[in-house]
């Protein structure tokens, strides 16, 4: 694994007093805070996919009756990359997935880009938390009213999941 020299400064919460200041070699990762919190380093698997292809995390995801919703929260539009957009377009076209890219400060959305099976080209528009709640609820209602499989086949998926978890738990 590639190493990168970093400077780590530890401050006392509340007073802001510097407790430690040290240069260390850490794995070349996107987020030192994530590393310290025990998050997986996805870059460890980058060589598995050829070229510049890399694994990426998904901020939020839900599946309802065969419909898939993915949400990516970004502070700025320029935080998106071409690979994320191509993935969203292809998932819309081939996997019945709607992807919301939501832009703004944490919990303060101001803009969105929605890429969906009906609109794989996406459209940027202003938004806020209330509108997003309405759009997510609308997506849920449409998914429930238009299941991708019969109810019995959907239940079969739950039975398979229950069986796998039973094996994991030794039941």
N, C-alpha and C. Protein backbone atom coordinates (compact mmCIF):
# COMPACT_ATOMS: atom_id res chain seq x y z
N UNK A 1 0.85 -1.18 0.00
CA UNK A 1 0.00 0.00 0.00
C UNK A 1 0.89 1.24 0.00
N UNK A 2 0.51 2.21 -0.84
CA UNK A 2 1.29 3.44 -0.90
C UNK A 2 1.16 4.21 0.42
N UNK A 3 2.28 4.80 0.82
CA UNK A 3 2.31 5.61 2.03
C UNK A 3 2.49 7.07 1.62
N UNK A 4 2.01 7.96 2.46
CA UNK A 4 2.17 9.39 2.20
C UNK A 4 2.52 10.06 3.52
N UNK A 5 3.50 10.97 3.49
CA UNK A 5 3.86 11.67 4.71
C UNK A 5 2.81 12.74 5.01
N UNK A 6 2.34 12.73 6.22
CA UNK A 6 1.30 13.68 6.66
C UNK A 6 1.73 14.32 7.98
N UNK A 7 1.23 15.50 8.24
CA UNK A 7 1.40 16.14 9.53
C UNK A 7 0.07 16.05 10.26
N UNK A 8 0.11 15.50 11.47
CA UNK A 8 -1.10 15.36 12.28
C UNK A 8 -0.97 16.29 13.48
N UNK A 9 -1.99 17.12 13.66
CA UNK A 9 -2.01 18.03 14.80
C UNK A 9 -3.25 17.69 15.62
N UNK A 10 -3.05 17.45 16.91
CA UNK A 10 -4.15 17.12 17.80
C UNK A 10 -4.40 18.30 18.73
N UNK A 11 -5.65 18.80 18.68
CA UNK A 11 -6.04 19.92 19.53
C UNK A 11 -6.94 19.43 20.64
N UNK A 12 -6.88 20.10 21.78
CA UNK A 12 -7.81 19.80 22.86
C UNK A 12 -9.15 20.46 22.54
N UNK A 13 -10.20 19.65 22.60
CA UNK A 13 -11.53 20.17 22.30
C UNK A 13 -11.91 21.20 23.37
N UNK A 14 -12.48 22.28 22.95
CA UNK A 14 -12.91 23.31 23.89
C UNK A 14 -11.90 24.43 24.01
N UNK A 15 -10.64 24.08 24.33
CA UNK A 15 -9.63 25.14 24.52
C UNK A 15 -8.87 25.44 23.24
N UNK A 16 -8.80 24.46 22.33
CA UNK A 16 -8.05 24.65 21.10
C UNK A 16 -6.54 24.54 21.30
N UNK A 17 -6.12 24.18 22.51
CA UNK A 17 -4.69 24.05 22.81
C UNK A 17 -4.09 22.87 22.04
N UNK A 18 -2.91 23.07 21.43
CA UNK A 18 -2.24 22.00 20.70
C UNK A 18 -1.66 20.99 21.68
N UNK A 19 -2.06 19.72 21.51
CA UNK A 19 -1.56 18.65 22.36
C UNK A 19 -0.41 17.89 21.72
N UNK A 20 -0.52 17.67 20.39
CA UNK A 20 0.53 16.95 19.68
C UNK A 20 0.67 17.53 18.27
N UNK A 21 1.88 17.45 17.76
CA UNK A 21 2.17 17.89 16.41
C UNK A 21 3.23 16.94 15.88
N UNK A 22 2.88 16.04 14.97
CA UNK A 22 3.80 14.98 14.56
C UNK A 22 3.68 14.70 13.07
N UNK A 23 4.82 14.41 12.43
CA UNK A 23 4.83 13.96 11.04
C UNK A 23 4.78 12.44 11.05
N UNK A 24 3.87 11.87 10.26
CA UNK A 24 3.71 10.42 10.22
C UNK A 24 3.53 9.97 8.77
N UNK A 25 3.81 8.70 8.52
CA UNK A 25 3.51 8.08 7.23
C UNK A 25 2.20 7.32 7.38
N UNK A 26 1.22 7.71 6.58
CA UNK A 26 -0.08 7.06 6.61
C UNK A 26 -0.39 6.52 5.23
N UNK A 27 -1.30 5.55 5.14
CA UNK A 27 -1.72 5.09 3.81
C UNK A 27 -2.23 6.28 3.00
N UNK A 28 -1.94 6.27 1.69
CA UNK A 28 -2.43 7.33 0.80
C UNK A 28 -3.93 7.19 0.66
N UNK A 29 -4.66 7.99 1.40
CA UNK A 29 -6.12 7.87 1.45
C UNK A 29 -6.75 9.23 1.25
N UNK A 30 -8.05 9.20 0.97
CA UNK A 30 -8.78 10.46 0.76
C UNK A 30 -9.09 11.15 2.07
N UNK A 31 -9.34 10.38 3.14
CA UNK A 31 -9.83 10.97 4.38
C UNK A 31 -9.08 10.42 5.59
N UNK A 32 -8.24 11.26 6.19
CA UNK A 32 -7.55 10.85 7.41
C UNK A 32 -8.55 10.68 8.54
N UNK A 33 -9.55 11.57 8.62
CA UNK A 33 -10.58 11.45 9.66
C UNK A 33 -11.31 10.12 9.52
N UNK A 34 -11.65 9.75 8.29
CA UNK A 34 -12.29 8.45 8.06
C UNK A 34 -11.42 7.30 8.51
N UNK A 35 -10.12 7.38 8.20
CA UNK A 35 -9.17 6.35 8.60
C UNK A 35 -9.14 6.23 10.13
N UNK A 36 -9.07 7.37 10.81
CA UNK A 36 -9.02 7.36 12.27
C UNK A 36 -10.31 6.83 12.89
N UNK A 37 -11.42 7.00 12.18
CA UNK A 37 -12.71 6.49 12.67
C UNK A 37 -12.94 5.03 12.30
N UNK A 38 -12.00 4.43 11.56
CA UNK A 38 -12.12 3.02 11.23
C UNK A 38 -12.85 2.73 9.93
N UNK A 39 -13.01 3.74 9.07
CA UNK A 39 -13.67 3.51 7.79
C UNK A 39 -12.75 2.71 6.87
N UNK A 40 -13.33 1.95 5.99
CA UNK A 40 -12.56 1.15 5.04
C UNK A 40 -11.82 2.05 4.07
N UNK A 41 -10.61 1.66 3.72
CA UNK A 41 -9.82 2.37 2.72
C UNK A 41 -10.08 1.70 1.37
N UNK A 42 -10.97 2.26 0.58
CA UNK A 42 -11.34 1.67 -0.70
C UNK A 42 -10.19 1.71 -1.71
N UNK A 43 -9.24 2.62 -1.52
CA UNK A 43 -8.11 2.71 -2.44
C UNK A 43 -7.26 1.43 -2.43
N UNK A 44 -7.35 0.64 -1.38
CA UNK A 44 -6.60 -0.62 -1.29
C UNK A 44 -6.99 -1.56 -2.43
N UNK A 45 -8.15 -1.37 -3.04
CA UNK A 45 -8.66 -2.26 -4.09
C UNK A 45 -8.57 -1.64 -5.49
N UNK A 46 -7.98 -0.46 -5.60
CA UNK A 46 -7.95 0.25 -6.89
C UNK A 46 -7.26 -0.52 -7.99
N UNK A 47 -6.21 -1.26 -7.68
CA UNK A 47 -5.48 -2.01 -8.71
C UNK A 47 -6.30 -3.14 -9.31
N UNK A 48 -7.40 -3.50 -8.71
CA UNK A 48 -8.22 -4.63 -9.18
C UNK A 48 -9.02 -4.30 -10.43
N UNK A 49 -9.19 -3.04 -10.76
CA UNK A 49 -10.16 -2.66 -11.78
C UNK A 49 -9.57 -2.03 -13.03
N UNK A 50 -8.27 -1.98 -13.14
CA UNK A 50 -7.63 -1.50 -14.36
C UNK A 50 -7.73 -0.01 -14.57
N UNK A 51 -6.69 0.56 -15.14
CA UNK A 51 -6.69 1.98 -15.48
C UNK A 51 -6.94 2.88 -14.29
N UNK A 52 -7.80 3.89 -14.52
CA UNK A 52 -8.12 4.86 -13.47
C UNK A 52 -9.37 4.48 -12.70
N UNK A 53 -9.94 3.31 -12.96
CA UNK A 53 -11.17 2.89 -12.28
C UNK A 53 -10.90 2.70 -10.79
N UNK A 54 -11.83 3.20 -9.98
CA UNK A 54 -11.69 3.09 -8.52
C UNK A 54 -13.06 2.84 -7.90
N UNK A 55 -13.04 2.17 -6.77
CA UNK A 55 -14.28 2.02 -6.01
C UNK A 55 -14.67 3.36 -5.42
N UNK A 56 -15.96 3.59 -5.31
CA UNK A 56 -16.45 4.79 -4.66
C UNK A 56 -17.55 4.42 -3.68
N UNK A 57 -17.66 5.19 -2.63
CA UNK A 57 -18.71 4.93 -1.67
C UNK A 57 -20.01 5.58 -2.14
N UNK A 58 -21.11 5.10 -1.59
CA UNK A 58 -22.43 5.68 -1.86
C UNK A 58 -22.90 6.28 -0.55
N UNK A 59 -23.31 7.54 -0.58
CA UNK A 59 -23.71 8.21 0.65
C UNK A 59 -25.00 7.65 1.22
N UNK A 60 -25.98 7.38 0.36
CA UNK A 60 -27.26 6.84 0.82
C UNK A 60 -27.89 6.04 -0.31
N UNK A 61 -28.60 4.98 0.07
CA UNK A 61 -29.20 4.10 -0.93
C UNK A 61 -30.37 3.37 -0.30
N UNK A 62 -31.41 3.16 -1.11
CA UNK A 62 -32.55 2.37 -0.65
C UNK A 62 -33.16 1.65 -1.85
N UNK A 63 -33.67 0.46 -1.62
CA UNK A 63 -34.37 -0.31 -2.65
C UNK A 63 -35.78 -0.55 -2.16
N UNK A 64 -36.75 -0.28 -3.01
CA UNK A 64 -38.16 -0.52 -2.70
C UNK A 64 -38.77 -1.26 -3.87
N UNK A 65 -39.16 -2.50 -3.65
CA UNK A 65 -39.88 -3.31 -4.64
C UNK A 65 -39.22 -3.30 -6.03
N UNK A 66 -37.87 -3.37 -6.05
CA UNK A 66 -37.15 -3.44 -7.31
C UNK A 66 -36.73 -2.10 -7.87
N UNK A 67 -37.11 -1.02 -7.23
CA UNK A 67 -36.69 0.33 -7.61
C UNK A 67 -35.55 0.74 -6.68
N UNK A 68 -34.52 1.38 -7.23
CA UNK A 68 -33.34 1.72 -6.46
C UNK A 68 -33.13 3.22 -6.48
N UNK A 69 -32.92 3.80 -5.31
CA UNK A 69 -32.63 5.23 -5.16
C UNK A 69 -31.25 5.38 -4.55
N UNK A 70 -30.40 6.17 -5.19
CA UNK A 70 -29.05 6.47 -4.69
C UNK A 70 -28.99 7.98 -4.47
N UNK A 71 -28.39 8.37 -3.35
CA UNK A 71 -28.23 9.80 -3.06
C UNK A 71 -26.76 10.07 -2.76
N UNK A 72 -26.21 11.04 -3.45
CA UNK A 72 -24.84 11.49 -3.24
C UNK A 72 -24.89 12.93 -2.74
N UNK A 73 -24.36 13.16 -1.55
CA UNK A 73 -24.33 14.51 -0.99
C UNK A 73 -22.96 15.13 -1.28
N UNK A 74 -22.96 16.31 -1.86
CA UNK A 74 -21.73 17.00 -2.24
C UNK A 74 -21.82 18.45 -1.77
N UNK A 75 -20.68 18.97 -1.32
CA UNK A 75 -20.68 20.38 -0.93
C UNK A 75 -20.79 21.28 -2.16
N UNK A 76 -20.10 20.88 -3.24
CA UNK A 76 -20.08 21.69 -4.46
C UNK A 76 -20.30 20.80 -5.68
N UNK A 77 -20.82 21.40 -6.75
CA UNK A 77 -20.99 20.66 -8.01
C UNK A 77 -19.66 20.14 -8.54
N UNK A 78 -18.59 20.91 -8.32
CA UNK A 78 -17.30 20.48 -8.85
C UNK A 78 -16.70 19.31 -8.06
N UNK A 79 -17.41 18.82 -7.06
CA UNK A 79 -16.97 17.63 -6.32
C UNK A 79 -17.34 16.35 -7.06
N UNK A 80 -18.24 16.46 -8.03
CA UNK A 80 -18.60 15.27 -8.83
C UNK A 80 -17.45 14.96 -9.77
N UNK A 81 -17.38 13.68 -10.16
CA UNK A 81 -16.41 13.35 -11.20
C UNK A 81 -17.13 12.63 -12.33
N UNK A 82 -16.46 12.53 -13.45
CA UNK A 82 -17.07 11.96 -14.65
C UNK A 82 -17.52 10.51 -14.42
N UNK A 83 -16.70 9.75 -13.68
CA UNK A 83 -17.06 8.36 -13.41
C UNK A 83 -18.36 8.23 -12.63
N UNK A 84 -18.59 9.11 -11.65
CA UNK A 84 -19.84 9.09 -10.88
C UNK A 84 -21.03 9.37 -11.79
N UNK A 85 -20.86 10.31 -12.69
CA UNK A 85 -21.96 10.67 -13.60
C UNK A 85 -22.24 9.53 -14.58
N UNK A 86 -21.20 8.94 -15.14
CA UNK A 86 -21.40 7.82 -16.07
C UNK A 86 -22.09 6.67 -15.34
N UNK A 87 -21.67 6.39 -14.11
CA UNK A 87 -22.31 5.32 -13.33
C UNK A 87 -23.79 5.62 -13.12
N UNK A 88 -24.11 6.86 -12.76
CA UNK A 88 -25.51 7.23 -12.54
C UNK A 88 -26.33 7.09 -13.82
N UNK A 89 -25.76 7.51 -14.95
CA UNK A 89 -26.46 7.40 -16.23
C UNK A 89 -26.70 5.94 -16.59
N UNK A 90 -25.67 5.12 -16.46
CA UNK A 90 -25.81 3.70 -16.81
C UNK A 90 -26.74 2.97 -15.85
N UNK A 91 -26.69 3.32 -14.58
CA UNK A 91 -27.61 2.69 -13.63
C UNK A 91 -29.05 3.11 -13.91
N UNK A 92 -29.26 4.32 -14.36
CA UNK A 92 -30.60 4.77 -14.74
C UNK A 92 -31.10 3.98 -15.94
N UNK A 93 -30.23 3.82 -16.93
CA UNK A 93 -30.63 3.16 -18.18
C UNK A 93 -30.76 1.64 -18.05
N UNK A 94 -29.95 1.02 -17.20
CA UNK A 94 -29.90 -0.44 -17.18
C UNK A 94 -30.33 -1.09 -15.86
N UNK A 95 -30.43 -0.32 -14.79
CA UNK A 95 -30.71 -0.91 -13.47
C UNK A 95 -31.91 -0.28 -12.76
N UNK A 96 -32.68 0.51 -13.47
CA UNK A 96 -33.85 1.15 -12.87
C UNK A 96 -33.49 1.93 -11.60
N UNK A 97 -32.43 2.73 -11.69
CA UNK A 97 -31.94 3.47 -10.54
C UNK A 97 -32.08 4.97 -10.78
N UNK A 98 -32.58 5.67 -9.78
CA UNK A 98 -32.62 7.12 -9.77
C UNK A 98 -31.52 7.60 -8.84
N UNK A 99 -30.69 8.53 -9.33
CA UNK A 99 -29.62 9.09 -8.49
C UNK A 99 -29.86 10.57 -8.30
N UNK A 100 -29.84 11.00 -7.04
CA UNK A 100 -29.91 12.41 -6.68
C UNK A 100 -28.50 12.83 -6.26
N UNK A 101 -27.95 13.84 -6.92
CA UNK A 101 -26.75 14.51 -6.42
C UNK A 101 -27.28 15.76 -5.73
N UNK A 102 -27.03 15.88 -4.43
CA UNK A 102 -27.56 16.99 -3.64
C UNK A 102 -26.37 17.86 -3.21
N UNK A 103 -26.46 19.16 -3.49
CA UNK A 103 -25.35 20.07 -3.24
C UNK A 103 -25.70 21.07 -2.15
N UNK A 104 -24.71 21.36 -1.30
CA UNK A 104 -24.88 22.34 -0.24
C UNK A 104 -24.09 21.94 0.99
N UNK A 105 -24.12 22.80 1.98
CA UNK A 105 -23.50 22.48 3.27
C UNK A 105 -24.26 21.32 3.92
N UNK A 106 -23.66 20.67 4.89
CA UNK A 106 -24.30 19.55 5.58
C UNK A 106 -25.70 19.94 6.07
N UNK A 107 -26.69 19.15 5.66
CA UNK A 107 -28.09 19.34 6.04
C UNK A 107 -28.69 20.68 5.57
N UNK A 108 -28.05 21.32 4.59
CA UNK A 108 -28.57 22.58 4.03
C UNK A 108 -28.50 22.51 2.50
N UNK A 109 -29.33 21.65 1.90
CA UNK A 109 -29.29 21.50 0.44
C UNK A 109 -29.76 22.77 -0.26
N UNK A 110 -29.07 23.09 -1.37
CA UNK A 110 -29.47 24.28 -2.14
C UNK A 110 -29.70 23.96 -3.62
N UNK A 111 -29.14 22.84 -4.09
CA UNK A 111 -29.28 22.50 -5.51
C UNK A 111 -29.23 20.98 -5.65
N UNK A 112 -29.78 20.49 -6.76
CA UNK A 112 -29.78 19.04 -7.00
C UNK A 112 -29.60 18.77 -8.49
N UNK A 113 -29.11 17.58 -8.78
CA UNK A 113 -29.08 17.02 -10.12
C UNK A 113 -29.72 15.65 -9.98
N UNK A 114 -30.77 15.40 -10.76
CA UNK A 114 -31.46 14.11 -10.71
C UNK A 114 -31.26 13.40 -12.04
N UNK A 115 -30.73 12.18 -11.96
CA UNK A 115 -30.55 11.32 -13.13
C UNK A 115 -31.43 10.10 -12.89
N UNK A 116 -32.38 9.87 -13.80
CA UNK A 116 -33.38 8.82 -13.59
C UNK A 116 -33.61 8.03 -14.87
N UNK A 117 -34.29 6.88 -14.75
CA UNK A 117 -34.61 6.11 -15.97
C UNK A 117 -35.37 6.95 -17.01
N UNK A 118 -36.23 7.85 -16.57
CA UNK A 118 -36.98 8.68 -17.51
C UNK A 118 -36.20 9.89 -17.98
N UNK A 119 -35.12 10.27 -17.25
CA UNK A 119 -34.32 11.42 -17.63
C UNK A 119 -32.83 11.14 -17.33
N UNK A 120 -32.20 10.29 -18.15
CA UNK A 120 -30.80 9.95 -17.89
C UNK A 120 -29.82 11.10 -18.16
N UNK A 121 -30.29 12.18 -18.78
CA UNK A 121 -29.41 13.33 -19.02
C UNK A 121 -29.33 14.25 -17.82
N UNK A 122 -30.29 14.15 -16.91
CA UNK A 122 -30.26 14.94 -15.68
C UNK A 122 -30.54 16.41 -15.90
N UNK A 123 -30.98 17.04 -14.84
CA UNK A 123 -31.28 18.47 -14.85
C UNK A 123 -30.89 19.05 -13.50
N UNK A 124 -30.12 20.15 -13.52
CA UNK A 124 -29.79 20.87 -12.29
C UNK A 124 -30.97 21.78 -11.93
N UNK A 125 -31.28 21.86 -10.65
CA UNK A 125 -32.31 22.80 -10.20
C UNK A 125 -32.10 23.12 -8.72
N UNK A 126 -32.62 24.27 -8.32
CA UNK A 126 -32.56 24.68 -6.91
C UNK A 126 -33.40 23.73 -6.10
N UNK A 127 -33.08 23.59 -4.80
CA UNK A 127 -33.86 22.72 -3.92
C UNK A 127 -33.67 23.15 -2.47
N UNK A 128 -34.40 22.50 -1.59
CA UNK A 128 -34.23 22.68 -0.15
C UNK A 128 -34.65 21.37 0.53
N UNK A 129 -34.49 21.30 1.82
CA UNK A 129 -34.77 20.06 2.54
C UNK A 129 -36.23 19.63 2.38
N UNK A 130 -37.14 20.57 2.45
CA UNK A 130 -38.56 20.25 2.34
C UNK A 130 -38.88 19.64 0.97
N UNK A 131 -38.35 20.24 -0.09
CA UNK A 131 -38.61 19.70 -1.42
C UNK A 131 -38.02 18.30 -1.56
N UNK A 132 -36.80 18.10 -1.05
CA UNK A 132 -36.19 16.77 -1.14
C UNK A 132 -37.04 15.72 -0.43
N UNK A 133 -37.57 16.07 0.73
CA UNK A 133 -38.45 15.14 1.44
C UNK A 133 -39.67 14.79 0.59
N UNK A 134 -40.24 15.79 -0.07
CA UNK A 134 -41.39 15.55 -0.95
C UNK A 134 -41.01 14.66 -2.13
N UNK A 135 -39.86 14.93 -2.74
CA UNK A 135 -39.42 14.14 -3.89
C UNK A 135 -39.11 12.69 -3.50
N UNK A 136 -38.47 12.51 -2.34
CA UNK A 136 -38.18 11.15 -1.89
C UNK A 136 -39.47 10.40 -1.57
N UNK A 137 -40.43 11.08 -0.96
CA UNK A 137 -41.73 10.46 -0.66
C UNK A 137 -42.47 10.09 -1.95
N UNK A 138 -42.40 10.97 -2.93
CA UNK A 138 -43.03 10.71 -4.23
C UNK A 138 -42.38 9.51 -4.90
N UNK A 139 -41.04 9.42 -4.85
CA UNK A 139 -40.33 8.28 -5.41
C UNK A 139 -40.79 6.99 -4.73
N UNK A 140 -40.89 7.03 -3.40
CA UNK A 140 -41.33 5.86 -2.63
C UNK A 140 -42.74 5.43 -3.05
N UNK A 141 -43.64 6.37 -3.16
CA UNK A 141 -45.03 6.05 -3.54
C UNK A 141 -45.09 5.41 -4.92
N UNK A 142 -44.34 5.97 -5.88
CA UNK A 142 -44.31 5.38 -7.22
C UNK A 142 -43.74 3.97 -7.20
N UNK A 143 -42.69 3.76 -6.41
CA UNK A 143 -42.09 2.43 -6.32
C UNK A 143 -43.08 1.42 -5.74
N UNK A 144 -43.81 1.81 -4.70
CA UNK A 144 -44.78 0.90 -4.07
C UNK A 144 -45.94 0.59 -5.02
N UNK A 145 -46.35 1.57 -5.82
CA UNK A 145 -47.46 1.37 -6.74
C UNK A 145 -47.07 0.61 -8.00
N UNK A 146 -45.77 0.52 -8.29
CA UNK A 146 -45.29 -0.12 -9.52
C UNK A 146 -44.16 -1.10 -9.23
N UNK A 147 -44.43 -2.17 -8.47
CA UNK A 147 -43.36 -3.12 -8.15
C UNK A 147 -42.78 -3.74 -9.42
N UNK A 148 -41.48 -4.03 -9.38
CA UNK A 148 -40.79 -4.61 -10.53
C UNK A 148 -41.06 -6.11 -10.68
N UNK A 149 -41.57 -6.74 -9.62
CA UNK A 149 -41.90 -8.16 -9.63
C UNK A 149 -43.22 -8.34 -8.90
N UNK A 150 -43.77 -9.52 -9.03
CA UNK A 150 -44.99 -9.83 -8.29
C UNK A 150 -44.70 -9.81 -6.79
N UNK A 151 -45.73 -9.59 -6.01
CA UNK A 151 -45.57 -9.56 -4.55
C UNK A 151 -44.98 -10.87 -4.04
N UNK A 152 -45.38 -12.00 -4.61
CA UNK A 152 -44.86 -13.29 -4.14
C UNK A 152 -43.37 -13.42 -4.45
N UNK A 153 -42.92 -12.91 -5.61
CA UNK A 153 -41.49 -12.96 -5.92
C UNK A 153 -40.72 -11.98 -5.04
N UNK A 154 -41.30 -10.84 -4.73
CA UNK A 154 -40.66 -9.91 -3.81
C UNK A 154 -40.51 -10.55 -2.43
N UNK A 155 -41.54 -11.26 -1.99
CA UNK A 155 -41.47 -11.94 -0.69
C UNK A 155 -40.41 -13.04 -0.71
N UNK A 156 -40.24 -13.69 -1.84
CA UNK A 156 -39.22 -14.73 -1.97
C UNK A 156 -37.83 -14.15 -1.70
N UNK A 157 -37.58 -12.92 -2.15
CA UNK A 157 -36.29 -12.27 -1.89
C UNK A 157 -36.06 -12.10 -0.38
N UNK A 158 -37.13 -11.71 0.33
CA UNK A 158 -37.04 -11.57 1.79
C UNK A 158 -36.76 -12.92 2.44
N UNK A 159 -37.35 -13.96 1.91
CA UNK A 159 -37.11 -15.31 2.46
C UNK A 159 -35.67 -15.74 2.26
N UNK A 160 -35.10 -15.43 1.10
CA UNK A 160 -33.69 -15.75 0.84
C UNK A 160 -32.80 -14.99 1.83
N UNK A 161 -33.08 -13.71 2.01
CA UNK A 161 -32.28 -12.90 2.95
C UNK A 161 -32.39 -13.47 4.37
N UNK A 162 -33.59 -13.87 4.76
CA UNK A 162 -33.79 -14.44 6.09
C UNK A 162 -32.99 -15.73 6.25
N UNK A 163 -32.95 -16.55 5.21
CA UNK A 163 -32.19 -17.81 5.24
C UNK A 163 -30.70 -17.52 5.40
N UNK A 164 -30.17 -16.56 4.64
CA UNK A 164 -28.74 -16.21 4.73
C UNK A 164 -28.42 -15.74 6.13
N UNK A 165 -29.24 -14.85 6.68
CA UNK A 165 -28.99 -14.36 8.04
C UNK A 165 -29.10 -15.47 9.07
N UNK A 166 -29.99 -16.41 8.83
CA UNK A 166 -30.09 -17.58 9.72
C UNK A 166 -28.79 -18.38 9.72
N UNK A 167 -28.19 -18.53 8.55
CA UNK A 167 -26.90 -19.24 8.44
C UNK A 167 -25.80 -18.47 9.17
N UNK A 168 -25.81 -17.15 9.03
CA UNK A 168 -24.81 -16.32 9.69
C UNK A 168 -24.92 -16.44 11.21
N UNK A 169 -26.15 -16.46 11.68
CA UNK A 169 -26.39 -16.51 13.13
C UNK A 169 -26.41 -17.93 13.66
N UNK A 170 -26.22 -18.92 12.78
CA UNK A 170 -26.16 -20.31 13.21
C UNK A 170 -27.50 -20.90 13.59
N UNK A 171 -28.57 -20.43 12.97
CA UNK A 171 -29.91 -20.95 13.29
C UNK A 171 -30.33 -21.97 12.27
